[in-house]
């Protein structure tokens, strides 16, 4: 027996801005910082380089540094990467900020609230059920699948849980793609 035909719809989770950093400010003790436009500071000491990502406290507006590279040999850098540090390349800022090793080394977490959006097709099929949806993440935005699905379908979380079948745990944050099937009402 074959499964009924279904339509596959793509959903894409996109970053709208860089996330805020949850870290303790050394001056005012607030717990939120931003990278602003994203700037690096590169300091040379002989043939060794230090590279920092500058962050600004949201409360007191003071600047702090996150260590990206410490006492690294100039020869160990890719020339394009080193140039990116000097010109404050936005893609390099995003790549470094989203690097979990940098977060662990500098004791911060990312606050993605308001920093992402879900792009869904405007037309939803009226007759073809079930509908299979493929969710793709352009950036590693951690979001709970149940909340993402409820938001995308415009349903309550309980209604969404009742009407879907998913191949991943729904109550754990994910930042990688997954698929789910939406069943007809009733």
C-alpha atoms as a PDB file:
ATOM      1  CA  UNK A   1       0.000   0.000   0.000  1.00  0.00           C
ATOM      2  CA  UNK A   2       1.433   3.364  -0.982  1.00  0.00           C
ATOM      3  CA  UNK A   3       1.252   6.544   1.023  1.00  0.00           C
ATOM      4  CA  UNK A   4      -1.117   9.266  -0.142  1.00  0.00           C
ATOM      5  CA  UNK A   5       0.415  11.968  -2.322  1.00  0.00           C
ATOM      6  CA  UNK A   6       1.591  15.043  -0.504  1.00  0.00           C
ATOM      7  CA  UNK A   7       3.042  18.440  -1.273  1.00  0.00           C
ATOM      8  CA  UNK A   8       6.483  19.479   0.012  1.00  0.00           C
ATOM      9  CA  UNK A   9       6.767  23.098   1.172  1.00  0.00           C
ATOM     10  CA  UNK A  10      10.059  24.829   2.042  1.00  0.00           C
ATOM     11  CA  UNK A  11      10.414  26.934   5.196  1.00  0.00           C
ATOM     12  CA  UNK A  12      13.603  28.920   5.778  1.00  0.00           C
ATOM     13  CA  UNK A  13      14.822  30.352   9.089  1.00  0.00           C
ATOM     14  CA  UNK A  14      16.922  33.469   8.380  1.00  0.00           C
ATOM     15  CA  UNK A  15      18.929  35.753  10.599  1.00  0.00           C
ATOM     16  CA  UNK A  16      17.695  39.373  10.464  1.00  0.00           C
ATOM     17  CA  UNK A  17      20.521  40.806  12.567  1.00  0.00           C
ATOM     18  CA  UNK A  18      23.344  39.586  14.742  1.00  0.00           C
ATOM     19  CA  UNK A  19      22.106  38.239  18.069  1.00  0.00           C
ATOM     20  CA  UNK A  20      22.733  40.011  21.347  1.00  0.00           C
ATOM     21  CA  UNK A  21      25.348  38.571  23.662  1.00  0.00           C
ATOM     22  CA  UNK A  22      24.359  37.467  27.142  1.00  0.00           C
ATOM     23  CA  UNK A  23      27.409  38.305  29.183  1.00  0.00           C
ATOM     24  CA  UNK A  24      28.103  40.227  32.365  1.00  0.00           C
ATOM     25  CA  UNK A  25      29.349  43.788  31.837  1.00  0.00           C
ATOM     26  CA  UNK A  26      32.456  44.489  33.895  1.00  0.00           C
ATOM     27  CA  UNK A  27      31.350  48.067  34.537  1.00  0.00           C
ATOM     28  CA  UNK A  28      27.604  48.193  35.232  1.00  0.00           C
ATOM     29  CA  UNK A  29      26.937  44.465  35.811  1.00  0.00           C
ATOM     30  CA  UNK A  30      24.213  44.404  33.116  1.00  0.00           C
ATOM     31  CA  UNK A  31      23.897  41.133  31.202  1.00  0.00           C
ATOM     32  CA  UNK A  32      23.463  42.189  27.582  1.00  0.00           C
ATOM     33  CA  UNK A  33      25.908  43.400  24.945  1.00  0.00           C
ATOM     34  CA  UNK A  34      25.885  43.967  21.193  1.00  0.00           C
ATOM     35  CA  UNK A  35      28.494  43.955  18.448  1.00  0.00           C
ATOM     36  CA  UNK A  36      26.947  47.021  16.809  1.00  0.00           C
ATOM     37  CA  UNK A  37      28.293  47.253  13.273  1.00  0.00           C
ATOM     38  CA  UNK A  38      30.932  44.672  14.159  1.00  0.00           C
ATOM     39  CA  UNK A  39      34.499  45.815  14.537  1.00  0.00           C
ATOM     40  CA  UNK A  40      37.757  44.012  15.153  1.00  0.00           C
ATOM     41  CA  UNK A  41      40.862  45.329  16.821  1.00  0.00           C
ATOM     42  CA  UNK A  42      44.166  43.885  15.629  1.00  0.00           C
ATOM     43  CA  UNK A  43      47.321  44.479  17.665  1.00  0.00           C
ATOM     44  CA  UNK A  44      50.790  43.444  16.514  1.00  0.00           C
ATOM     45  CA  UNK A  45      53.628  42.646  18.872  1.00  0.00           C
ATOM     46  CA  UNK A  46      56.570  41.726  16.667  1.00  0.00           C
ATOM     47  CA  UNK A  47      55.460  38.763  14.584  1.00  0.00           C
ATOM     48  CA  UNK A  48      52.601  37.897  16.931  1.00  0.00           C
ATOM     49  CA  UNK A  49      49.045  39.180  16.578  1.00  0.00           C
ATOM     50  CA  UNK A  50      46.168  39.618  18.960  1.00  0.00           C
ATOM     51  CA  UNK A  51      42.684  39.935  17.442  1.00  0.00           C
ATOM     52  CA  UNK A  52      39.638  41.040  19.434  1.00  0.00           C
ATOM     53  CA  UNK A  53      35.989  41.504  18.525  1.00  0.00           C
ATOM     54  CA  UNK A  54      34.684  44.708  20.093  1.00  0.00           C
ATOM     55  CA  UNK A  55      31.318  44.553  21.861  1.00  0.00           C
ATOM     56  CA  UNK A  56      29.303  47.310  23.495  1.00  0.00           C
ATOM     57  CA  UNK A  57      27.170  47.043  26.636  1.00  0.00           C
ATOM     58  CA  UNK A  58      23.520  47.800  25.897  1.00  0.00           C
ATOM     59  CA  UNK A  59      23.055  49.525  29.301  1.00  0.00           C
ATOM     60  CA  UNK A  60      26.161  51.653  29.897  1.00  0.00           C
ATOM     61  CA  UNK A  61      27.493  51.850  26.287  1.00  0.00           C
ATOM     62  CA  UNK A  62      31.035  50.839  27.321  1.00  0.00           C
ATOM     63  CA  UNK A  63      33.185  48.792  24.977  1.00  0.00           C
ATOM     64  CA  UNK A  64      34.735  45.431  25.851  1.00  0.00           C
ATOM     65  CA  UNK A  65      36.882  43.013  23.871  1.00  0.00           C
ATOM     66  CA  UNK A  66      36.276  39.348  23.079  1.00  0.00           C
ATOM     67  CA  UNK A  67      39.489  37.477  22.362  1.00  0.00           C
ATOM     68  CA  UNK A  68      39.427  35.945  18.872  1.00  0.00           C
ATOM     69  CA  UNK A  69      43.159  35.145  18.540  1.00  0.00           C
ATOM     70  CA  UNK A  70      45.818  35.573  21.199  1.00  0.00           C
ATOM     71  CA  UNK A  71      49.531  35.746  20.446  1.00  0.00           C
ATOM     72  CA  UNK A  72      49.122  34.016  17.079  1.00  0.00           C
ATOM     73  CA  UNK A  73      51.932  34.040  14.539  1.00  0.00           C
ATOM     74  CA  UNK A  74      51.299  36.275  11.541  1.00  0.00           C
ATOM     75  CA  UNK A  75      52.146  33.338   9.270  1.00  0.00           C
ATOM     76  CA  UNK A  76      49.344  31.245  10.770  1.00  0.00           C
ATOM     77  CA  UNK A  77      46.687  33.561   9.282  1.00  0.00           C
ATOM     78  CA  UNK A  78      45.159  33.188   5.870  1.00  0.00           C
ATOM     79  CA  UNK A  79      45.853  36.509   4.077  1.00  0.00           C
ATOM     80  CA  UNK A  80      42.157  36.928   3.184  1.00  0.00           C
ATOM     81  CA  UNK A  81      41.156  36.331   6.809  1.00  0.00           C
ATOM     82  CA  UNK A  82      43.732  38.829   8.070  1.00  0.00           C
ATOM     83  CA  UNK A  83      42.478  41.387   5.561  1.00  0.00           C
ATOM     84  CA  UNK A  84      38.926  40.728   6.778  1.00  0.00           C
ATOM     85  CA  UNK A  85      39.997  41.548  10.334  1.00  0.00           C
ATOM     86  CA  UNK A  86      41.581  44.817   9.179  1.00  0.00           C
ATOM     87  CA  UNK A  87      38.537  45.964   7.139  1.00  0.00           C
ATOM     88  CA  UNK A  88      35.923  44.690   9.648  1.00  0.00           C
ATOM     89  CA  UNK A  89      34.304  42.312   7.161  1.00  0.00           C
ATOM     90  CA  UNK A  90      30.638  41.799   8.268  1.00  0.00           C
ATOM     91  CA  UNK A  91      30.635  38.142   7.166  1.00  0.00           C
ATOM     92  CA  UNK A  92      33.769  37.494   9.247  1.00  0.00           C
ATOM     93  CA  UNK A  93      32.180  39.254  12.239  1.00  0.00           C
ATOM     94  CA  UNK A  94      29.115  36.998  11.944  1.00  0.00           C
ATOM     95  CA  UNK A  95      31.249  33.869  11.495  1.00  0.00           C
ATOM     96  CA  UNK A  96      33.338  34.607  14.578  1.00  0.00           C
ATOM     97  CA  UNK A  97      30.346  35.605  16.691  1.00  0.00           C
ATOM     98  CA  UNK A  98      28.496  32.381  15.807  1.00  0.00           C
ATOM     99  CA  UNK A  99      31.556  30.241  16.591  1.00  0.00           C
ATOM    100  CA  UNK A 100      30.788  28.162  19.713  1.00  0.00           C
ATOM    101  CA  UNK A 101      34.487  28.024  20.663  1.00  0.00           C
ATOM    102  CA  UNK A 102      34.636  31.822  20.839  1.00  0.00           C
ATOM    103  CA  UNK A 103      31.525  31.847  23.037  1.00  0.00           C
ATOM    104  CA  UNK A 104      32.975  29.246  25.377  1.00  0.00           C
ATOM    105  CA  UNK A 105      36.369  30.972  25.597  1.00  0.00           C
ATOM    106  CA  UNK A 106      34.816  34.386  26.316  1.00  0.00           C
ATOM    107  CA  UNK A 107      31.970  33.168  28.557  1.00  0.00           C
ATOM    108  CA  UNK A 108      28.923  34.411  26.669  1.00  0.00           C
ATOM    109  CA  UNK A 109      25.787  32.970  25.097  1.00  0.00           C
ATOM    110  CA  UNK A 110      23.766  34.313  22.202  1.00  0.00           C
ATOM    111  CA  UNK A 111      20.314  35.791  22.701  1.00  0.00           C
ATOM    112  CA  UNK A 112      18.412  35.238  19.442  1.00  0.00           C
ATOM    113  CA  UNK A 113      15.206  36.990  20.539  1.00  0.00           C
ATOM    114  CA  UNK A 114      14.053  39.158  17.636  1.00  0.00           C
ATOM    115  CA  UNK A 115      17.124  38.311  15.544  1.00  0.00           C
ATOM    116  CA  UNK A 116      15.519  35.830  13.122  1.00  0.00           C
ATOM    117  CA  UNK A 117      12.461  35.365  10.933  1.00  0.00           C
ATOM    118  CA  UNK A 118      10.659  32.416   9.358  1.00  0.00           C
ATOM    119  CA  UNK A 119      10.041  32.634   5.624  1.00  0.00           C
ATOM    120  CA  UNK A 120       7.143  30.436   4.507  1.00  0.00           C
ATOM    121  CA  UNK A 121       5.389  30.157   1.143  1.00  0.00           C
ATOM    122  CA  UNK A 122       2.456  32.536   0.870  1.00  0.00           C
ATOM    123  CA  UNK A 123       0.105  29.967  -0.660  1.00  0.00           C
ATOM    124  CA  UNK A 124      -0.994  27.006   1.469  1.00  0.00           C
ATOM    125  CA  UNK A 125      -2.611  24.045  -0.323  1.00  0.00           C
ATOM    126  CA  UNK A 126      -6.328  23.678   0.388  1.00  0.00           C
ATOM    127  CA  UNK A 127      -6.978  20.153  -0.767  1.00  0.00           C
ATOM    128  CA  UNK A 128      -3.798  18.077  -0.735  1.00  0.00           C
ATOM    129  CA  UNK A 129      -3.244  16.502   2.691  1.00  0.00           C
ATOM    130  CA  UNK A 130      -0.955  15.583   4.288  1.00  0.00           C
ATOM    131  CA  UNK A 131       1.536  18.386   3.615  1.00  0.00           C
ATOM    132  CA  UNK A 132       5.229  17.778   4.183  1.00  0.00           C
ATOM    133  CA  UNK A 133       7.341  20.769   5.258  1.00  0.00           C
ATOM    134  CA  UNK A 134      11.125  20.956   5.071  1.00  0.00           C
ATOM    135  CA  UNK A 135      12.694  23.461   7.469  1.00  0.00           C
ATOM    136  CA  UNK A 136      16.129  24.818   6.525  1.00  0.00           C
ATOM    137  CA  UNK A 137      18.299  26.999   8.783  1.00  0.00           C
ATOM    138  CA  UNK A 138      20.591  29.515   7.071  1.00  0.00           C
ATOM    139  CA  UNK A 139      22.240  30.299  10.428  1.00  0.00           C
ATOM    140  CA  UNK A 140      22.387  28.231  13.610  1.00  0.00           C
ATOM    141  CA  UNK A 141      19.387  29.886  15.278  1.00  0.00           C
ATOM    142  CA  UNK A 142      18.365  27.715  18.243  1.00  0.00           C
ATOM    143  CA  UNK A 143      14.587  27.435  18.296  1.00  0.00           C
ATOM    144  CA  UNK A 144      12.227  24.789  19.616  1.00  0.00           C
ATOM    145  CA  UNK A 145      10.532  23.035  16.679  1.00  0.00           C
ATOM    146  CA  UNK A 146       7.110  23.105  18.367  1.00  0.00           C
ATOM    147  CA  UNK A 147       7.240  26.911  18.663  1.00  0.00           C
ATOM    148  CA  UNK A 148       8.559  27.345  15.130  1.00  0.00           C
ATOM    149  CA  UNK A 149       5.835  25.100  13.689  1.00  0.00           C
ATOM    150  CA  UNK A 150       3.062  26.778  15.694  1.00  0.00           C
ATOM    151  CA  UNK A 151       4.311  30.200  14.571  1.00  0.00           C
ATOM    152  CA  UNK A 152       4.562  29.125  10.922  1.00  0.00           C
ATOM    153  CA  UNK A 153       1.125  27.513  10.864  1.00  0.00           C
ATOM    154  CA  UNK A 154      -0.558  30.238  12.901  1.00  0.00           C
ATOM    155  CA  UNK A 155      -1.833  27.687  15.437  1.00  0.00           C
ATOM    156  CA  UNK A 156      -1.535  27.261  19.171  1.00  0.00           C
ATOM    157  CA  UNK A 157       1.283  24.951  20.250  1.00  0.00           C
ATOM    158  CA  UNK A 158      -1.203  22.313  21.443  1.00  0.00           C
ATOM    159  CA  UNK A 159      -3.070  22.386  18.125  1.00  0.00           C
ATOM    160  CA  UNK A 160       0.227  22.213  16.213  1.00  0.00           C
ATOM    161  CA  UNK A 161       1.380  19.225  18.298  1.00  0.00           C
ATOM    162  CA  UNK A 162      -1.908  17.465  17.617  1.00  0.00           C
ATOM    163  CA  UNK A 163      -1.764  17.993  13.838  1.00  0.00           C
ATOM    164  CA  UNK A 164       1.880  17.220  13.029  1.00  0.00           C
ATOM    165  CA  UNK A 165       4.195  14.261  12.846  1.00  0.00           C
ATOM    166  CA  UNK A 166       7.845  15.159  13.151  1.00  0.00           C
ATOM    167  CA  UNK A 167      11.140  13.295  12.806  1.00  0.00           C
ATOM    168  CA  UNK A 168      12.879  15.196  15.666  1.00  0.00           C
ATOM    169  CA  UNK A 169      12.107  15.841  19.348  1.00  0.00           C
ATOM    170  CA  UNK A 170       9.837  18.877  19.437  1.00  0.00           C
ATOM    171  CA  UNK A 171      10.657  20.302  22.855  1.00  0.00           C
ATOM    172  CA  UNK A 172      14.442  20.607  22.460  1.00  0.00           C
ATOM    173  CA  UNK A 173      16.009  23.583  20.701  1.00  0.00           C
ATOM    174  CA  UNK A 174      17.384  22.824  17.251  1.00  0.00           C
ATOM    175  CA  UNK A 175      19.530  24.834  14.896  1.00  0.00           C
ATOM    176  CA  UNK A 176      19.632  22.329  12.049  1.00  0.00           C
ATOM    177  CA  UNK A 177      17.063  21.453   9.426  1.00  0.00           C
ATOM    178  CA  UNK A 178      14.251  18.979   9.949  1.00  0.00           C
ATOM    179  CA  UNK A 179      11.031  17.867   8.278  1.00  0.00           C
ATOM    180  CA  UNK A 180       7.507  17.380   9.551  1.00  0.00           C
ATOM    181  CA  UNK A 181       4.120  16.427   8.166  1.00  0.00           C
ATOM    182  CA  UNK A 182       0.951  18.428   8.747  1.00  0.00           C
ATOM    183  CA  UNK A 183      -2.188  16.310   8.925  1.00  0.00           C
ATOM    184  CA  UNK A 184      -5.648  17.471   7.877  1.00  0.00           C
ATOM    185  CA  UNK A 185      -7.955  18.903  10.531  1.00  0.00           C
ATOM    186  CA  UNK A 186     -10.272  16.538  12.279  1.00  0.00           C
END
